[in-house]
Amino acid sequence: VEEGRFALNAASLAIVTGLPKKADTAERIFEVRQRLG
């Protein structure tokens, strides 16, 4: 949290970076869940 606003930190940016851009939302959520695991 920065001044009442929310942002991702470096660890979560590494998880989200490199997701397939042309994938639909369900595929992107699945990939994020795998990386979170």
PDB file of all heavy atoms in Angstrom:
ATOM      1  N   VAL A   1       0.854  -1.181   0.000  1.00  0.00           N
ATOM      2  CA  VAL A   1       0.000   0.000   0.000  1.00  0.00           C
ATOM      3  C   VAL A   1       0.894   1.235   0.000  1.00  0.00           C
ATOM      4  O   VAL A   1       1.816   1.346   0.796  1.00  0.00           O
ATOM      5  CB  VAL A   1      -0.924   0.022   1.231  1.00  0.00           C
ATOM      6  CG1 VAL A   1      -1.747   1.293   1.265  1.00  0.00           C
ATOM      7  CG2 VAL A   1      -1.808  -1.183   1.243  1.00  0.00           C
ATOM      8  N   GLU A   2       0.613   2.142  -0.928  1.00  0.00           N
ATOM      9  CA  GLU A   2       1.328   3.408  -1.014  1.00  0.00           C
ATOM     10  C   GLU A   2       0.312   4.535  -0.993  1.00  0.00           C
ATOM     11  O   GLU A   2      -0.430   4.710  -1.959  1.00  0.00           O
ATOM     12  CB  GLU A   2       2.148   3.476  -2.304  1.00  0.00           C
ATOM     13  CG  GLU A   2       3.197   2.395  -2.426  1.00  0.00           C
ATOM     14  CD  GLU A   2       3.850   2.382  -3.798  1.00  0.00           C
ATOM     15  OE1 GLU A   2       3.560   3.299  -4.609  1.00  0.00           O
ATOM     16  OE2 GLU A   2       4.626   1.464  -4.054  1.00  0.00           O
ATOM     17  N   GLU A   3       0.246   5.260   0.096  1.00  0.00           N
ATOM     18  CA  GLU A   3      -0.658   6.398   0.250  1.00  0.00           C
ATOM     19  C   GLU A   3      -2.117   6.020  -0.007  1.00  0.00           C
ATOM     20  O   GLU A   3      -2.844   6.721  -0.694  1.00  0.00           O
ATOM     21  CB  GLU A   3      -0.229   7.536  -0.668  1.00  0.00           C
ATOM     22  CG  GLU A   3       1.161   8.050  -0.399  1.00  0.00           C
ATOM     23  CD  GLU A   3       1.609   9.083  -1.423  1.00  0.00           C
ATOM     24  OE1 GLU A   3       0.801   9.455  -2.297  1.00  0.00           O
ATOM     25  OE2 GLU A   3       2.758   9.500  -1.330  1.00  0.00           O
ATOM     26  N   GLY A   4      -2.538   4.873   0.496  1.00  0.00           N
ATOM     27  CA  GLY A   4      -3.912   4.437   0.342  1.00  0.00           C
ATOM     28  C   GLY A   4      -4.221   3.783  -0.993  1.00  0.00           C
ATOM     29  O   GLY A   4      -5.360   3.452  -1.277  1.00  0.00           O
ATOM     30  N   ARG A   5      -3.214   3.590  -1.814  1.00  0.00           N
ATOM     31  CA  ARG A   5      -3.377   2.939  -3.113  1.00  0.00           C
ATOM     32  C   ARG A   5      -2.638   1.607  -3.092  1.00  0.00           C
ATOM     33  O   ARG A   5      -1.616   1.464  -2.444  1.00  0.00           O
ATOM     34  CB  ARG A   5      -2.838   3.809  -4.241  1.00  0.00           C
ATOM     35  CG  ARG A   5      -3.604   5.096  -4.412  1.00  0.00           C
ATOM     36  CD  ARG A   5      -2.899   5.977  -5.439  1.00  0.00           C
ATOM     37  NE  ARG A   5      -3.651   7.176  -5.675  1.00  0.00           N
ATOM     38  CZ  ARG A   5      -4.280   7.428  -6.824  1.00  0.00           C
ATOM     39  NH1 ARG A   5      -4.229   6.571  -7.812  1.00  0.00           N
ATOM     40  NH2 ARG A   5      -4.948   8.536  -6.985  1.00  0.00           N
ATOM     41  N   PHE A   6      -3.149   0.650  -3.836  1.00  0.00           N
ATOM     42  CA  PHE A   6      -2.600  -0.702  -3.832  1.00  0.00           C
ATOM     43  C   PHE A   6      -1.777  -0.949  -5.084  1.00  0.00           C
ATOM     44  O   PHE A   6      -2.130  -0.489  -6.175  1.00  0.00           O
ATOM     45  CB  PHE A   6      -3.731  -1.735  -3.745  1.00  0.00           C
ATOM     46  CG  PHE A   6      -4.483  -1.649  -2.453  1.00  0.00           C
ATOM     47  CD1 PHE A   6      -5.590  -0.830  -2.331  1.00  0.00           C
ATOM     48  CD2 PHE A   6      -4.076  -2.373  -1.354  1.00  0.00           C
ATOM     49  CE1 PHE A   6      -6.282  -0.740  -1.142  1.00  0.00           C
ATOM     50  CE2 PHE A   6      -4.756  -2.292  -0.158  1.00  0.00           C
ATOM     51  CZ  PHE A   6      -5.863  -1.469  -0.052  1.00  0.00           C
ATOM     52  N   ALA A   7      -0.680  -1.692  -4.902  1.00  0.00           N
ATOM     53  CA  ALA A   7       0.193  -2.034  -6.023  1.00  0.00           C
ATOM     54  C   ALA A   7       0.814  -3.402  -5.768  1.00  0.00           C
ATOM     55  O   ALA A   7       0.849  -3.885  -4.636  1.00  0.00           O
ATOM     56  CB  ALA A   7       1.281  -0.982  -6.185  1.00  0.00           C
ATOM     57  N   LEU A   8       1.294  -4.000  -6.831  1.00  0.00           N
ATOM     58  CA  LEU A   8       2.017  -5.256  -6.711  1.00  0.00           C
ATOM     59  C   LEU A   8       3.468  -4.958  -6.376  1.00  0.00           C
ATOM     60  O   LEU A   8       4.025  -3.968  -6.831  1.00  0.00           O
ATOM     61  CB  LEU A   8       1.948  -6.035  -8.026  1.00  0.00           C
ATOM     62  CG  LEU A   8       0.556  -6.411  -8.530  1.00  0.00           C
ATOM     63  CD1 LEU A   8       0.666  -7.118  -9.872  1.00  0.00           C
ATOM     64  CD2 LEU A   8      -0.153  -7.297  -7.543  1.00  0.00           C
ATOM     65  N   ASN A   9       4.095  -5.818  -5.568  1.00  0.00           N
ATOM     66  CA  ASN A   9       5.505  -5.635  -5.297  1.00  0.00           C
ATOM     67  C   ASN A   9       6.327  -6.468  -6.272  1.00  0.00           C
ATOM     68  O   ASN A   9       5.789  -7.068  -7.205  1.00  0.00           O
ATOM     69  CB  ASN A   9       5.833  -5.947  -3.834  1.00  0.00           C
ATOM     70  CG  ASN A   9       5.592  -7.389  -3.488  1.00  0.00           C
ATOM     71  OD1 ASN A   9       5.367  -8.209  -4.363  1.00  0.00           O
ATOM     72  ND2 ASN A   9       5.642  -7.703  -2.215  1.00  0.00           N
ATOM     73  N   ALA A  10       7.643  -6.535  -6.074  1.00  0.00           N
ATOM     74  CA  ALA A  10       8.534  -7.190  -7.025  1.00  0.00           C
ATOM     75  C   ALA A  10       8.231  -8.684  -7.172  1.00  0.00           C
ATOM     76  O   ALA A  10       8.272  -9.230  -8.285  1.00  0.00           O
ATOM     77  CB  ALA A  10       9.982  -6.981  -6.605  1.00  0.00           C
ATOM     78  N   ALA A  11       7.919  -9.361  -6.077  1.00  0.00           N
ATOM     79  CA  ALA A  11       7.653 -10.803  -6.145  1.00  0.00           C
ATOM     80  C   ALA A  11       6.397 -11.098  -6.960  1.00  0.00           C
ATOM     81  O   ALA A  11       6.378 -12.019  -7.781  1.00  0.00           O
ATOM     82  CB  ALA A  11       7.515 -11.377  -4.738  1.00  0.00           C
ATOM     83  N   SER A  12       5.360 -10.316  -6.758  1.00  0.00           N
ATOM     84  CA  SER A  12       4.124 -10.558  -7.508  1.00  0.00           C
ATOM     85  C   SER A  12       4.240 -10.093  -8.955  1.00  0.00           C
ATOM     86  O   SER A  12       3.608 -10.670  -9.848  1.00  0.00           O
ATOM     87  CB  SER A  12       2.937  -9.892  -6.820  1.00  0.00           C
ATOM     88  OG  SER A  12       3.196  -8.523  -6.649  1.00  0.00           O
ATOM     89  N   LEU A  13       5.045  -9.074  -9.212  1.00  0.00           N
ATOM     90  CA  LEU A  13       5.276  -8.665 -10.598  1.00  0.00           C
ATOM     91  C   LEU A  13       6.000  -9.769 -11.364  1.00  0.00           C
ATOM     92  O   LEU A  13       5.742  -9.980 -12.553  1.00  0.00           O
ATOM     93  CB  LEU A  13       6.081  -7.371 -10.653  1.00  0.00           C
ATOM     94  CG  LEU A  13       5.309  -6.090 -10.376  1.00  0.00           C
ATOM     95  CD1 LEU A  13       6.249  -4.898 -10.322  1.00  0.00           C
ATOM     96  CD2 LEU A  13       4.240  -5.875 -11.409  1.00  0.00           C
ATOM     97  N   ALA A  14       6.898 -10.487 -10.693  1.00  0.00           N
ATOM     98  CA  ALA A  14       7.589 -11.604 -11.339  1.00  0.00           C
ATOM     99  C   ALA A  14       6.605 -12.719 -11.679  1.00  0.00           C
ATOM    100  O   ALA A  14       6.766 -13.396 -12.700  1.00  0.00           O
ATOM    101  CB  ALA A  14       8.694 -12.128 -10.428  1.00  0.00           C
ATOM    102  N   ILE A  15       5.592 -12.903 -10.848  1.00  0.00           N
ATOM    103  CA  ILE A  15       4.581 -13.933 -11.114  1.00  0.00           C
ATOM    104  C   ILE A  15       3.716 -13.539 -12.307  1.00  0.00           C
ATOM    105  O   ILE A  15       3.405 -14.368 -13.164  1.00  0.00           O
ATOM    106  CB  ILE A  15       3.712 -14.171  -9.860  1.00  0.00           C
ATOM    107  CG1 ILE A  15       4.549 -14.831  -8.763  1.00  0.00           C
ATOM    108  CG2 ILE A  15       2.495 -15.015 -10.184  1.00  0.00           C
ATOM    109  CD1 ILE A  15       3.849 -14.939  -7.430  1.00  0.00           C
ATOM    110  N   VAL A  16       3.349 -12.284 -12.391  1.00  0.00           N
ATOM    111  CA  VAL A  16       2.428 -11.825 -13.433  1.00  0.00           C
ATOM    112  C   VAL A  16       3.147 -11.579 -14.762  1.00  0.00           C
ATOM    113  O   VAL A  16       2.553 -11.721 -15.830  1.00  0.00           O
ATOM    114  CB  VAL A  16       1.706 -10.542 -12.954  1.00  0.00           C
ATOM    115  CG1 VAL A  16       0.836  -9.956 -14.035  1.00  0.00           C
ATOM    116  CG2 VAL A  16       0.874 -10.847 -11.736  1.00  0.00           C
ATOM    117  N   THR A  17       4.447 -11.272 -14.710  1.00  0.00           N
ATOM    118  CA  THR A  17       5.191 -10.983 -15.929  1.00  0.00           C
ATOM    119  C   THR A  17       5.344 -12.248 -16.765  1.00  0.00           C
ATOM    120  O   THR A  17       5.611 -13.313 -16.252  1.00  0.00           O
ATOM    121  CB  THR A  17       6.593 -10.435 -15.576  1.00  0.00           C
ATOM    122  OG1 THR A  17       6.428  -9.281 -14.761  1.00  0.00           O
ATOM    123  CG2 THR A  17       7.359 -10.066 -16.822  1.00  0.00           C
ATOM    124  N   GLY A  18       5.165 -12.093 -18.043  1.00  0.00           N
ATOM    125  CA  GLY A  18       5.356 -13.202 -18.967  1.00  0.00           C
ATOM    126  C   GLY A  18       4.133 -14.068 -19.171  1.00  0.00           C
ATOM    127  O   GLY A  18       4.230 -15.149 -19.743  1.00  0.00           O
ATOM    128  N   LEU A  19       2.977 -13.619 -18.718  1.00  0.00           N
ATOM    129  CA  LEU A  19       1.753 -14.377 -18.982  1.00  0.00           C
ATOM    130  C   LEU A  19       1.426 -14.298 -20.468  1.00  0.00           C
ATOM    131  O   LEU A  19       1.714 -13.289 -21.117  1.00  0.00           O
ATOM    132  CB  LEU A  19       0.584 -13.807 -18.174  1.00  0.00           C
ATOM    133  CG  LEU A  19       0.613 -14.047 -16.679  1.00  0.00           C
ATOM    134  CD1 LEU A  19      -0.534 -13.307 -16.009  1.00  0.00           C
ATOM    135  CD2 LEU A  19       0.518 -15.514 -16.369  1.00  0.00           C
ATOM    136  N   PRO A  20       0.836 -15.343 -21.023  1.00  0.00           N
ATOM    137  CA  PRO A  20       0.490 -15.288 -22.450  1.00  0.00           C
ATOM    138  C   PRO A  20      -0.526 -14.187 -22.722  1.00  0.00           C
ATOM    139  O   PRO A  20      -1.574 -14.131 -22.089  1.00  0.00           O
ATOM    140  CB  PRO A  20      -0.086 -16.675 -22.739  1.00  0.00           C
ATOM    141  CG  PRO A  20      -0.318 -17.318 -21.425  1.00  0.00           C
ATOM    142  CD  PRO A  20       0.485 -16.598 -20.407  1.00  0.00           C
ATOM    143  N   LYS A  21      -0.208 -13.317 -23.653  1.00  0.00           N
ATOM    144  CA  LYS A  21      -1.068 -12.160 -23.920  1.00  0.00           C
ATOM    145  C   LYS A  21      -2.327 -12.526 -24.698  1.00  0.00           C
ATOM    146  O   LYS A  21      -3.349 -11.895 -24.552  1.00  0.00           O
ATOM    147  CB  LYS A  21      -0.293 -11.093 -24.680  1.00  0.00           C
ATOM    148  CG  LYS A  21       0.830 -10.515 -23.848  1.00  0.00           C
ATOM    149  CD  LYS A  21       1.516  -9.398 -24.566  1.00  0.00           C
ATOM    150  CE  LYS A  21       2.744  -9.004 -23.827  1.00  0.00           C
ATOM    151  NZ  LYS A  21       2.695  -7.815 -23.114  1.00  0.00           N
ATOM    152  N   LYS A  22      -2.256 -13.544 -25.519  1.00  0.00           N
ATOM    153  CA  LYS A  22      -3.404 -13.905 -26.341  1.00  0.00           C
ATOM    154  C   LYS A  22      -4.292 -14.946 -25.679  1.00  0.00           C
ATOM    155  O   LYS A  22      -5.291 -15.350 -26.247  1.00  0.00           O
ATOM    156  CB  LYS A  22      -2.942 -14.409 -27.696  1.00  0.00           C
ATOM    157  CG  LYS A  22      -2.296 -13.315 -28.524  1.00  0.00           C
ATOM    158  CD  LYS A  22      -2.063 -13.753 -29.928  1.00  0.00           C
ATOM    159  CE  LYS A  22      -1.465 -12.598 -30.726  1.00  0.00           C
ATOM    160  NZ  LYS A  22      -1.329 -12.933 -32.125  1.00  0.00           N
ATOM    161  N   ALA A  23      -3.938 -15.377 -24.476  1.00  0.00           N
ATOM    162  CA  ALA A  23      -4.748 -16.371 -23.767  1.00  0.00           C
ATOM    163  C   ALA A  23      -5.995 -15.702 -23.208  1.00  0.00           C
ATOM    164  O   ALA A  23      -6.000 -14.503 -22.927  1.00  0.00           O
ATOM    165  CB  ALA A  23      -3.946 -16.998 -22.646  1.00  0.00           C
ATOM    166  N   ASP A  24      -7.056 -16.476 -23.053  1.00  0.00           N
ATOM    167  CA  ASP A  24      -8.258 -15.912 -22.455  1.00  0.00           C
ATOM    168  C   ASP A  24      -8.079 -15.816 -20.936  1.00  0.00           C
ATOM    169  O   ASP A  24      -7.071 -16.249 -20.385  1.00  0.00           O
ATOM    170  CB  ASP A  24      -9.502 -16.714 -22.839  1.00  0.00           C
ATOM    171  CG  ASP A  24      -9.486 -18.126 -22.288  1.00  0.00           C
ATOM    172  OD1 ASP A  24      -8.412 -18.596 -21.891  1.00  0.00           O
ATOM    173  OD2 ASP A  24     -10.547 -18.765 -22.272  1.00  0.00           O
ATOM    174  N   THR A  25      -9.037 -15.218 -20.284  1.00  0.00           N
ATOM    175  CA  THR A  25      -8.919 -14.928 -18.857  1.00  0.00           C
ATOM    176  C   THR A  25      -8.769 -16.197 -18.030  1.00  0.00           C
ATOM    177  O   THR A  25      -7.963 -16.234 -17.099  1.00  0.00           O
ATOM    178  CB  THR A  25     -10.152 -14.131 -18.382  1.00  0.00           C
ATOM    179  OG1 THR A  25     -10.260 -12.956 -19.193  1.00  0.00           O
ATOM    180  CG2 THR A  25     -10.015 -13.716 -16.951  1.00  0.00           C
ATOM    181  N   ALA A  26      -9.507 -17.246 -18.362  1.00  0.00           N
ATOM    182  CA  ALA A  26      -9.426 -18.487 -17.586  1.00  0.00           C
ATOM    183  C   ALA A  26      -8.028 -19.098 -17.664  1.00  0.00           C
ATOM    184  O   ALA A  26      -7.492 -19.577 -16.651  1.00  0.00           O
ATOM    185  CB  ALA A  26     -10.471 -19.478 -18.080  1.00  0.00           C
ATOM    186  N   GLU A  27      -7.419 -19.060 -18.836  1.00  0.00           N
ATOM    187  CA  GLU A  27      -6.066 -19.591 -18.984  1.00  0.00           C
ATOM    188  C   GLU A  27      -5.056 -18.766 -18.208  1.00  0.00           C
ATOM    189  O   GLU A  27      -4.130 -19.304 -17.602  1.00  0.00           O
ATOM    190  CB  GLU A  27      -5.675 -19.645 -20.456  1.00  0.00           C
ATOM    191  CG  GLU A  27      -6.456 -20.670 -21.253  1.00  0.00           C
ATOM    192  CD  GLU A  27      -6.170 -20.572 -22.740  1.00  0.00           C
ATOM    193  OE1 GLU A  27      -5.428 -19.667 -23.169  1.00  0.00           O
ATOM    194  OE2 GLU A  27      -6.712 -21.406 -23.486  1.00  0.00           O
ATOM    195  N   ARG A  28      -5.224 -17.449 -18.209  1.00  0.00           N
ATOM    196  CA  ARG A  28      -4.301 -16.582 -17.470  1.00  0.00           C
ATOM    197  C   ARG A  28      -4.441 -16.793 -15.970  1.00  0.00           C
ATOM    198  O   ARG A  28      -3.448 -16.824 -15.246  1.00  0.00           O
ATOM    199  CB  ARG A  28      -4.558 -15.118 -17.838  1.00  0.00           C
ATOM    200  CG  ARG A  28      -4.254 -14.846 -19.302  1.00  0.00           C
ATOM    201  CD  ARG A  28      -4.523 -13.437 -19.668  1.00  0.00           C
ATOM    202  NE  ARG A  28      -3.299 -12.707 -19.372  1.00  0.00           N
ATOM    203  CZ  ARG A  28      -3.218 -11.400 -19.325  1.00  0.00           C
ATOM    204  NH1 ARG A  28      -4.276 -10.675 -19.538  1.00  0.00           N
ATOM    205  NH2 ARG A  28      -2.078 -10.811 -19.073  1.00  0.00           N
ATOM    206  N   ILE A  29      -5.672 -16.955 -15.486  1.00  0.00           N
ATOM    207  CA  ILE A  29      -5.886 -17.212 -14.058  1.00  0.00           C
ATOM    208  C   ILE A  29      -5.265 -18.550 -13.670  1.00  0.00           C
ATOM    209  O   ILE A  29      -4.633 -18.669 -12.615  1.00  0.00           O
ATOM    210  CB  ILE A  29      -7.387 -17.154 -13.717  1.00  0.00           C
ATOM    211  CG1 ILE A  29      -7.887 -15.711 -13.820  1.00  0.00           C
ATOM    212  CG2 ILE A  29      -7.665 -17.711 -12.336  1.00  0.00           C
ATOM    213  CD1 ILE A  29      -9.378 -15.561 -13.670  1.00  0.00           C
ATOM    214  N   PHE A  30      -5.412 -19.556 -14.522  1.00  0.00           N
ATOM    215  CA  PHE A  30      -4.823 -20.861 -14.250  1.00  0.00           C
ATOM    216  C   PHE A  30      -3.300 -20.755 -14.150  1.00  0.00           C
ATOM    217  O   PHE A  30      -2.682 -21.332 -13.252  1.00  0.00           O
ATOM    218  CB  PHE A  30      -5.224 -21.854 -15.350  1.00  0.00           C
ATOM    219  CG  PHE A  30      -4.645 -23.216 -15.166  1.00  0.00           C
ATOM    220  CD1 PHE A  30      -5.153 -24.071 -14.198  1.00  0.00           C
ATOM    221  CD2 PHE A  30      -3.589 -23.646 -15.950  1.00  0.00           C
ATOM    222  CE1 PHE A  30      -4.616 -25.332 -14.021  1.00  0.00           C
ATOM    223  CE2 PHE A  30      -3.048 -24.900 -15.782  1.00  0.00           C
ATOM    224  CZ  PHE A  30      -3.559 -25.752 -14.816  1.00  0.00           C
ATOM    225  N   GLU A  31      -2.691 -20.008 -15.052  1.00  0.00           N
ATOM    226  CA  GLU A  31      -1.235 -19.828 -15.037  1.00  0.00           C
ATOM    227  C   GLU A  31      -0.781 -19.089 -13.783  1.00  0.00           C
ATOM    228  O   GLU A  31       0.232 -19.440 -13.176  1.00  0.00           O
ATOM    229  CB  GLU A  31      -0.796 -19.080 -16.297  1.00  0.00           C
ATOM    230  CG  GLU A  31       0.688 -18.901 -16.437  1.00  0.00           C
ATOM    231  CD  GLU A  31       1.423 -20.198 -16.700  1.00  0.00           C
ATOM    232  OE1 GLU A  31       0.836 -21.128 -17.286  1.00  0.00           O
ATOM    233  OE2 GLU A  31       2.609 -20.292 -16.320  1.00  0.00           O
ATOM    234  N   VAL A  32      -1.531 -18.062 -13.370  1.00  0.00           N
ATOM    235  CA  VAL A  32      -1.186 -17.326 -12.151  1.00  0.00           C
ATOM    236  C   VAL A  32      -1.292 -18.246 -10.936  1.00  0.00           C
ATOM    237  O   VAL A  32      -0.436 -18.220 -10.044  1.00  0.00           O
ATOM    238  CB  VAL A  32      -2.081 -16.073 -11.985  1.00  0.00           C
ATOM    239  CG1 VAL A  32      -1.963 -15.479 -10.602  1.00  0.00           C
ATOM    240  CG2 VAL A  32      -1.710 -15.035 -13.024  1.00  0.00           C
ATOM    241  N   ARG A  33      -2.322 -19.082 -10.889  1.00  0.00           N
ATOM    242  CA  ARG A  33      -2.474 -20.015  -9.769  1.00  0.00           C
ATOM    243  C   ARG A  33      -1.321 -21.007  -9.713  1.00  0.00           C
ATOM    244  O   ARG A  33      -0.848 -21.347  -8.633  1.00  0.00           O
ATOM    245  CB  ARG A  33      -3.804 -20.750  -9.859  1.00  0.00           C
ATOM    246  CG  ARG A  33      -4.959 -19.898  -9.455  1.00  0.00           C
ATOM    247  CD  ARG A  33      -6.234 -20.684  -9.447  1.00  0.00           C
ATOM    248  NE  ARG A  33      -7.337 -19.855  -8.997  1.00  0.00           N
ATOM    249  CZ  ARG A  33      -8.587 -20.221  -9.035  1.00  0.00           C
ATOM    250  NH1 ARG A  33      -8.918 -21.402  -9.490  1.00  0.00           N
ATOM    251  NH2 ARG A  33      -9.526 -19.415  -8.605  1.00  0.00           N
ATOM    252  N   GLN A  34      -0.868 -21.478 -10.856  1.00  0.00           N
ATOM    253  CA  GLN A  34       0.280 -22.387 -10.865  1.00  0.00           C
ATOM    254  C   GLN A  34       1.524 -21.689 -10.338  1.00  0.00           C
ATOM    255  O   GLN A  34       2.276 -22.263  -9.551  1.00  0.00           O
ATOM    256  CB  GLN A  34       0.541 -22.914 -12.272  1.00  0.00           C
ATOM    257  CG  GLN A  34      -0.375 -24.025 -12.687  1.00  0.00           C
ATOM    258  CD  GLN A  34       0.048 -24.609 -14.019  1.00  0.00           C
ATOM    259  OE1 GLN A  34       0.637 -23.932 -14.859  1.00  0.00           O
ATOM    260  NE2 GLN A  34      -0.261 -25.882 -14.219  1.00  0.00           N
ATOM    261  N   ARG A  35       1.745 -20.474 -10.768  1.00  0.00           N
ATOM    262  CA  ARG A  35       2.921 -19.728 -10.309  1.00  0.00           C
ATOM    263  C   ARG A  35       2.817 -19.387  -8.823  1.00  0.00           C
ATOM    264  O   ARG A  35       3.819 -19.353  -8.125  1.00  0.00           O
ATOM    265  CB  ARG A  35       3.096 -18.463 -11.143  1.00  0.00           C
ATOM    266  CG  ARG A  35       3.474 -18.758 -12.581  1.00  0.00           C
ATOM    267  CD  ARG A  35       3.613 -17.492 -13.371  1.00  0.00           C
ATOM    268  NE  ARG A  35       3.894 -17.784 -14.780  1.00  0.00           N
ATOM    269  CZ  ARG A  35       4.183 -16.855 -15.676  1.00  0.00           C
ATOM    270  NH1 ARG A  35       4.220 -15.583 -15.327  1.00  0.00           N
ATOM    271  NH2 ARG A  35       4.439 -17.199 -16.925  1.00  0.00           N
ATOM    272  N   LEU A  36       1.601 -19.118  -8.354  1.00  0.00           N
ATOM    273  CA  LEU A  36       1.428 -18.855  -6.922  1.00  0.00           C
ATOM    274  C   LEU A  36       1.708 -20.097  -6.089  1.00  0.00           C
ATOM    275  O   LEU A  36       2.200 -20.004  -4.963  1.00  0.00           O
ATOM    276  CB  LEU A  36       0.009 -18.348  -6.637  1.00  0.00           C
ATOM    277  CG  LEU A  36      -0.246 -16.884  -6.923  1.00  0.00           C
ATOM    278  CD1 LEU A  36      -1.731 -16.566  -6.757  1.00  0.00           C
ATOM    279  CD2 LEU A  36       0.576 -16.003  -6.024  1.00  0.00           C
ATOM    280  N   GLY A  37       1.382 -21.265  -6.627  1.00  0.00           N
ATOM    281  CA  GLY A  37       1.667 -22.509  -5.925  1.00  0.00           C
ATOM    282  C   GLY A  37       3.163 -22.727  -5.752  1.00  0.00           C
ATOM    283  O   GLY A  37       3.608 -23.313  -4.762  1.00  0.00           O
TER     284      GLY A  37
END
